Protein backbone atom coordinates (compact mmCIF):
# COMPACT_ATOMS: atom_id res chain seq x y z
CA MET A 1 -32.61 1.87 -6.26
CA THR A 2 -29.25 2.31 -4.55
CA ALA A 3 -27.15 5.08 -6.05
CA SER A 4 -23.92 3.93 -7.62
CA VAL A 5 -20.80 4.51 -5.57
CA GLN A 6 -17.93 6.30 -7.28
CA VAL A 7 -14.75 4.25 -7.57
CA ARG A 8 -11.87 6.36 -6.25
CA ASP A 9 -8.23 5.89 -7.19
CA ALA A 10 -6.18 4.76 -4.21
CA ALA A 11 -2.62 3.77 -3.33
CA THR A 12 -1.37 1.24 -0.80
CA VAL A 13 2.20 0.66 0.39
CA ILE A 14 3.65 -2.68 1.47
CA LEU A 15 6.76 -1.78 3.43
CA VAL A 16 9.04 -4.78 3.93
CA ARG A 17 12.20 -5.30 5.97
CA ASP A 18 14.61 -8.19 6.62
CA ARG A 19 13.98 -9.52 3.13
CA ALA A 20 17.06 -11.76 3.13
CA THR A 21 16.29 -13.44 6.46
CA ARG A 22 12.71 -13.44 7.72
CA PRO A 23 10.69 -10.81 5.82
CA ARG A 24 8.38 -8.58 7.85
CA VAL A 25 5.72 -6.18 6.59
CA LEU A 26 4.21 -3.10 8.21
CA MET A 27 0.53 -3.43 9.12
CA GLY A 28 -1.97 -1.75 11.41
CA GLN A 29 -5.56 -2.26 12.51
CA ARG A 30 -8.45 -0.11 11.30
CA GLY A 31 -10.92 1.17 13.89
CA ALA A 32 -14.01 -0.84 14.80
CA ARG A 33 -16.21 2.04 13.60
CA ALA A 34 -14.41 2.59 10.30
CA VAL A 35 -16.75 2.69 7.30
CA PHE A 36 -14.36 0.63 5.17
CA MET A 37 -12.94 -2.69 6.45
CA PRO A 38 -13.58 -2.07 10.17
CA SER A 39 -11.25 -3.84 12.63
CA LYS A 40 -9.21 -5.42 9.81
CA PHE A 41 -5.41 -5.39 9.69
CA VAL A 42 -4.22 -3.63 6.55
CA PHE A 43 -1.24 -1.91 4.96
CA PRO A 44 -1.00 1.90 5.05
CA GLY A 45 -2.96 3.36 2.16
CA GLY A 46 -5.92 5.41 1.03
CA ALA A 47 -7.56 7.47 -1.67
CA VAL A 48 -5.79 9.96 -3.93
CA ASP A 49 -6.41 13.59 -2.91
CA PRO A 50 -6.64 16.47 -5.42
CA GLY A 51 -3.41 18.03 -4.14
CA ASP A 52 -1.36 14.88 -4.74
CA ALA A 53 -1.03 15.66 -8.45
CA LEU A 54 0.69 18.97 -7.58
CA VAL A 55 3.30 17.55 -5.21
CA PRO A 56 6.93 17.53 -6.44
CA LEU A 57 8.56 14.09 -6.37
CA ALA A 58 12.32 13.78 -5.89
CA GLY A 59 12.16 10.38 -7.60
CA LYS A 60 9.54 8.30 -9.39
CA VAL A 61 8.95 4.64 -10.19
CA GLY A 62 10.97 3.12 -13.04
CA PRO A 63 9.76 3.05 -16.65
CA VAL A 64 8.26 -0.46 -16.49
CA CYS A 65 6.16 0.31 -13.41
CA SER A 66 5.22 3.71 -14.81
CA SER A 67 4.02 2.14 -18.05
CA ARG A 68 1.93 -0.42 -16.14
CA LEU A 69 0.38 2.26 -13.95
CA ALA A 70 -0.52 4.22 -17.09
CA GLU A 71 -2.59 1.29 -18.36
CA GLY A 72 -5.34 2.29 -15.96
CA ALA A 73 -4.62 5.96 -15.29
CA ALA A 74 -3.82 9.20 -17.09
CA ALA A 75 -0.27 10.58 -16.90
CA GLU A 76 -1.07 13.05 -14.12
CA ARG A 77 -2.79 10.25 -12.20
CA VAL A 78 0.36 8.11 -12.35
CA HIS A 79 2.17 10.93 -10.55
CA ALA A 80 -0.66 11.42 -8.06
CA LEU A 81 -0.79 7.72 -7.16
CA GLN A 82 2.87 7.74 -6.16
CA ALA A 83 2.45 10.92 -4.13
CA ALA A 84 -0.69 9.58 -2.44
CA ALA A 85 1.15 6.41 -1.43
CA ILE A 86 3.87 8.44 0.28
CA ARG A 87 1.34 10.73 1.98
CA GLU A 88 -0.70 7.82 3.31
CA VAL A 89 2.39 6.16 4.81
CA TRP A 90 3.29 9.46 6.44
CA GLU A 91 -0.21 10.08 7.82
CA GLU A 92 -0.95 6.55 9.01
CA SER A 93 2.45 5.45 10.30
CA GLY A 94 4.52 8.61 10.69
CA LEU A 95 7.25 7.10 8.51
CA LEU A 96 8.80 9.33 5.89
CA LEU A 97 9.62 8.21 2.35
CA GLY A 98 11.69 11.02 0.90
CA THR A 99 15.00 12.77 0.42
CA PRO A 100 16.20 16.14 1.77
CA GLY A 101 15.14 19.01 -0.46
CA ASP A 102 13.25 22.29 -0.82
CA TRP A 103 9.71 22.45 -2.13
CA ALA A 104 8.92 24.68 -5.10
CA GLY A 105 5.52 26.35 -5.33
CA PRO A 106 2.53 26.15 -3.01
CA VAL A 107 2.17 23.20 -0.64
CA PRO A 108 -1.25 21.47 -0.45
CA ASP A 109 -2.86 21.60 2.99
CA ASP A 110 -2.52 17.89 3.69
CA TRP A 111 1.20 18.03 2.82
CA GLN A 112 2.14 20.88 5.15
CA GLU A 113 3.56 18.69 7.94
CA PHE A 114 5.51 16.54 5.51
CA CYS A 115 6.99 19.66 3.88
CA ALA A 116 8.00 21.00 7.31
CA THR A 117 10.37 18.05 7.74
CA GLY A 118 12.65 19.44 5.03
CA TYR A 119 12.16 16.41 2.81
CA LEU A 120 10.75 15.92 -0.67
CA PRO A 121 8.61 12.82 -1.27
CA CYS A 122 10.44 10.14 -3.25
CA ALA A 123 9.00 7.04 -4.93
CA ALA A 124 12.18 5.84 -6.63
CA ALA A 125 12.23 2.67 -4.50
CA PHE A 126 8.62 1.76 -5.31
CA ARG A 127 7.66 -1.36 -7.25
CA TYR A 128 4.11 -1.65 -8.54
CA VAL A 129 3.00 -5.22 -7.75
CA PHE A 130 -0.81 -5.48 -7.54
CA ARG A 131 -4.09 -3.79 -8.42
CA ALA A 132 -7.51 -4.38 -6.83
CA ILE A 133 -10.91 -2.84 -7.55
CA THR A 134 -13.20 -3.25 -4.55
CA PRO A 135 -16.63 -4.82 -5.13
CA VAL A 136 -20.07 -3.29 -5.50
CA GLY A 137 -21.94 -3.10 -2.20
CA PRO A 138 -19.79 -1.32 0.40
CA PRO A 139 -20.38 2.45 0.88
CA ARG A 140 -16.90 3.17 -0.49
CA ARG A 141 -15.15 1.70 -3.50
CA PHE A 142 -11.50 2.00 -4.55
CA ASP A 143 -9.27 1.20 -7.50
CA ALA A 144 -6.17 0.50 -5.42
CA ARG A 145 -2.59 0.14 -6.66
CA PHE A 146 -0.19 -1.66 -4.35
CA PHE A 147 3.47 -0.63 -4.14
CA LEU A 148 6.18 -2.82 -2.60
CA VAL A 149 8.88 -0.74 -0.87
CA ASP A 150 11.94 -1.86 1.09
CA ALA A 151 12.14 -0.30 4.55
CA SER A 152 15.63 0.97 3.70
CA ALA A 153 13.81 3.77 1.82
CA VAL A 154 12.42 5.14 5.11
CA ALA A 155 14.18 8.30 6.28
CA GLY A 156 14.76 7.82 9.99
CA ASP A 157 13.88 5.06 12.42
CA PRO A 158 11.42 2.55 10.87
CA ASP A 159 10.21 1.65 14.38
CA ASP A 160 9.27 5.23 15.29
CA PHE A 161 5.49 5.60 14.89
CA SER A 162 5.24 8.61 17.19
CA ARG A 163 4.01 10.89 14.39
CA ALA A 164 1.29 8.52 13.18
CA SER A 165 -2.36 9.54 13.08
CA GLU A 166 -5.00 7.49 14.90
CA GLU A 167 -6.37 5.92 11.71
CA LEU A 168 -4.39 2.72 12.27
CA SER A 169 -3.70 1.20 15.68
CA GLN A 170 -1.33 -1.60 16.70
CA LEU A 171 1.19 -0.62 14.02
CA GLN A 172 3.75 -3.39 13.82
CA TRP A 173 6.27 -5.16 11.65
CA ILE A 174 4.96 -8.68 11.33
CA ALA A 175 6.65 -11.69 9.74
CA LEU A 176 5.02 -12.94 6.56
CA ASP A 177 4.56 -16.39 8.08
CA GLU A 178 2.65 -14.89 11.03
CA THR A 179 0.19 -12.72 9.09
CA GLY A 180 -2.32 -15.59 9.04
CA ASP A 181 -2.89 -14.97 12.76
CA LEU A 182 -4.38 -11.54 12.00
CA ASP A 183 -7.92 -10.61 10.94
CA LEU A 184 -7.21 -9.77 7.30
CA PRO A 185 -9.40 -8.85 4.33
CA LEU A 186 -9.34 -11.52 1.63
CA ILE A 187 -7.56 -9.23 -0.81
CA THR A 188 -4.83 -8.51 1.73
CA GLU A 189 -4.20 -12.23 2.15
CA VAL A 190 -3.87 -12.60 -1.61
CA VAL A 191 -1.54 -9.60 -1.87
CA LEU A 192 0.66 -11.08 0.86
CA GLY A 193 0.96 -14.23 -1.24
CA GLU A 194 2.03 -12.10 -4.20
CA VAL A 195 4.56 -10.28 -2.03
CA ALA A 196 6.12 -13.60 -1.01
CA ARG A 197 6.34 -14.55 -4.68
CA VAL A 198 8.05 -11.37 -5.91
CA LEU A 199 10.30 -10.51 -2.96
CA ALA A 200 13.32 -12.07 -4.66
CA CYS A 201 12.81 -10.05 -7.86
CA ALA A 202 15.50 -7.42 -8.29
CA GLY A 203 13.26 -5.25 -10.45
CA PRO A 204 9.60 -5.07 -11.46
CA PRO A 205 7.64 -8.34 -11.19
CA PRO A 206 6.94 -10.35 -14.37
CA GLU A 207 3.34 -9.13 -14.32
CA VAL A 208 0.92 -7.17 -12.14
CA PRO A 209 -2.21 -9.16 -11.16
CA CYS A 210 -5.51 -7.27 -11.18
CA PHE A 211 -8.39 -8.32 -8.90
CA ARG A 212 -11.81 -7.14 -10.12
CA ASP A 213 -13.99 -9.17 -7.72
CA GLU A 214 -15.67 -11.32 -10.33
CA ASP A 215 -17.29 -14.47 -8.91
CA GLU A 216 -14.88 -16.96 -10.48
CA GLN A 217 -11.85 -14.83 -9.70
CA ARG A 218 -13.00 -14.38 -6.10
CA PHE A 219 -13.30 -18.14 -5.67
CA LEU A 220 -9.83 -18.75 -7.08
CA LEU A 221 -8.26 -16.04 -4.96
CA ARG A 222 -10.01 -17.27 -1.81
CA ARG A 223 -8.63 -20.74 -2.48
CA GLN A 224 -5.19 -19.23 -3.08
CA ALA A 225 -5.41 -17.42 0.27
CA GLU A 226 -6.46 -20.63 2.04
CA LEU A 227 -3.54 -22.56 0.56
CA LEU A 228 -1.17 -19.75 1.57
CA LEU A 229 -2.42 -19.92 5.16
CA ILE A 230 -1.97 -23.71 5.21
CA GLU A 231 1.59 -23.32 3.96
CA LYS A 232 2.37 -20.67 6.60
CA ARG A 233 1.14 -22.96 9.35
CA ARG A 234 3.13 -25.86 7.93
CA VAL A 235 6.34 -23.81 7.92
CA ARG A 236 5.71 -22.76 11.52
CA GLY A 237 4.93 -26.31 12.55
CA GLY A 238 1.35 -25.44 13.55
């Protein structure tokens, strides 16, 4: 019998720019030998680390998003999810989501380089827009929360990926109507459709969809992704 795989809390960030004209999102490609979603184009993101709960945040999500996050996580986990999202963006893209400030107390090992920039992590611009629990079968499973963040929250040049790790390659800002040309996981296609739907919202979205990979839900979401791709090609005249 195959041992059960622990579901780890995770955070993913959908950075978007040019919202009023032709929205573009930041994506990169996972390595061909990656254990999870090899060769797929994804948003920056990853699992929550133990030290994330101890990181000071200069700003947090608003009360509506915080309440929704708390529906599936303890209070300290709500904090850790926001910190993990910022750390993953920093590690995978080299982009910094924070404000100038001094850290108080010890700095976790995987936050040392971020701390050295003289910035405190800040999630005030985050909007919680989606949740997905990956299916049984793969060697790793995640309960991922997706945060939508405008690129104006990036401290510095949003095109400077010089400090990125090698976890994601081909980092790029890609127009929403061109994402169908990439090799995407199904859930990423669905999330992109949700992003297009809530971009015009000034605050939190009306609701936060949750994907649990049930058979019927998977069918409906796959069909939703197919229709989204058809619409993208129609808009582009393809």
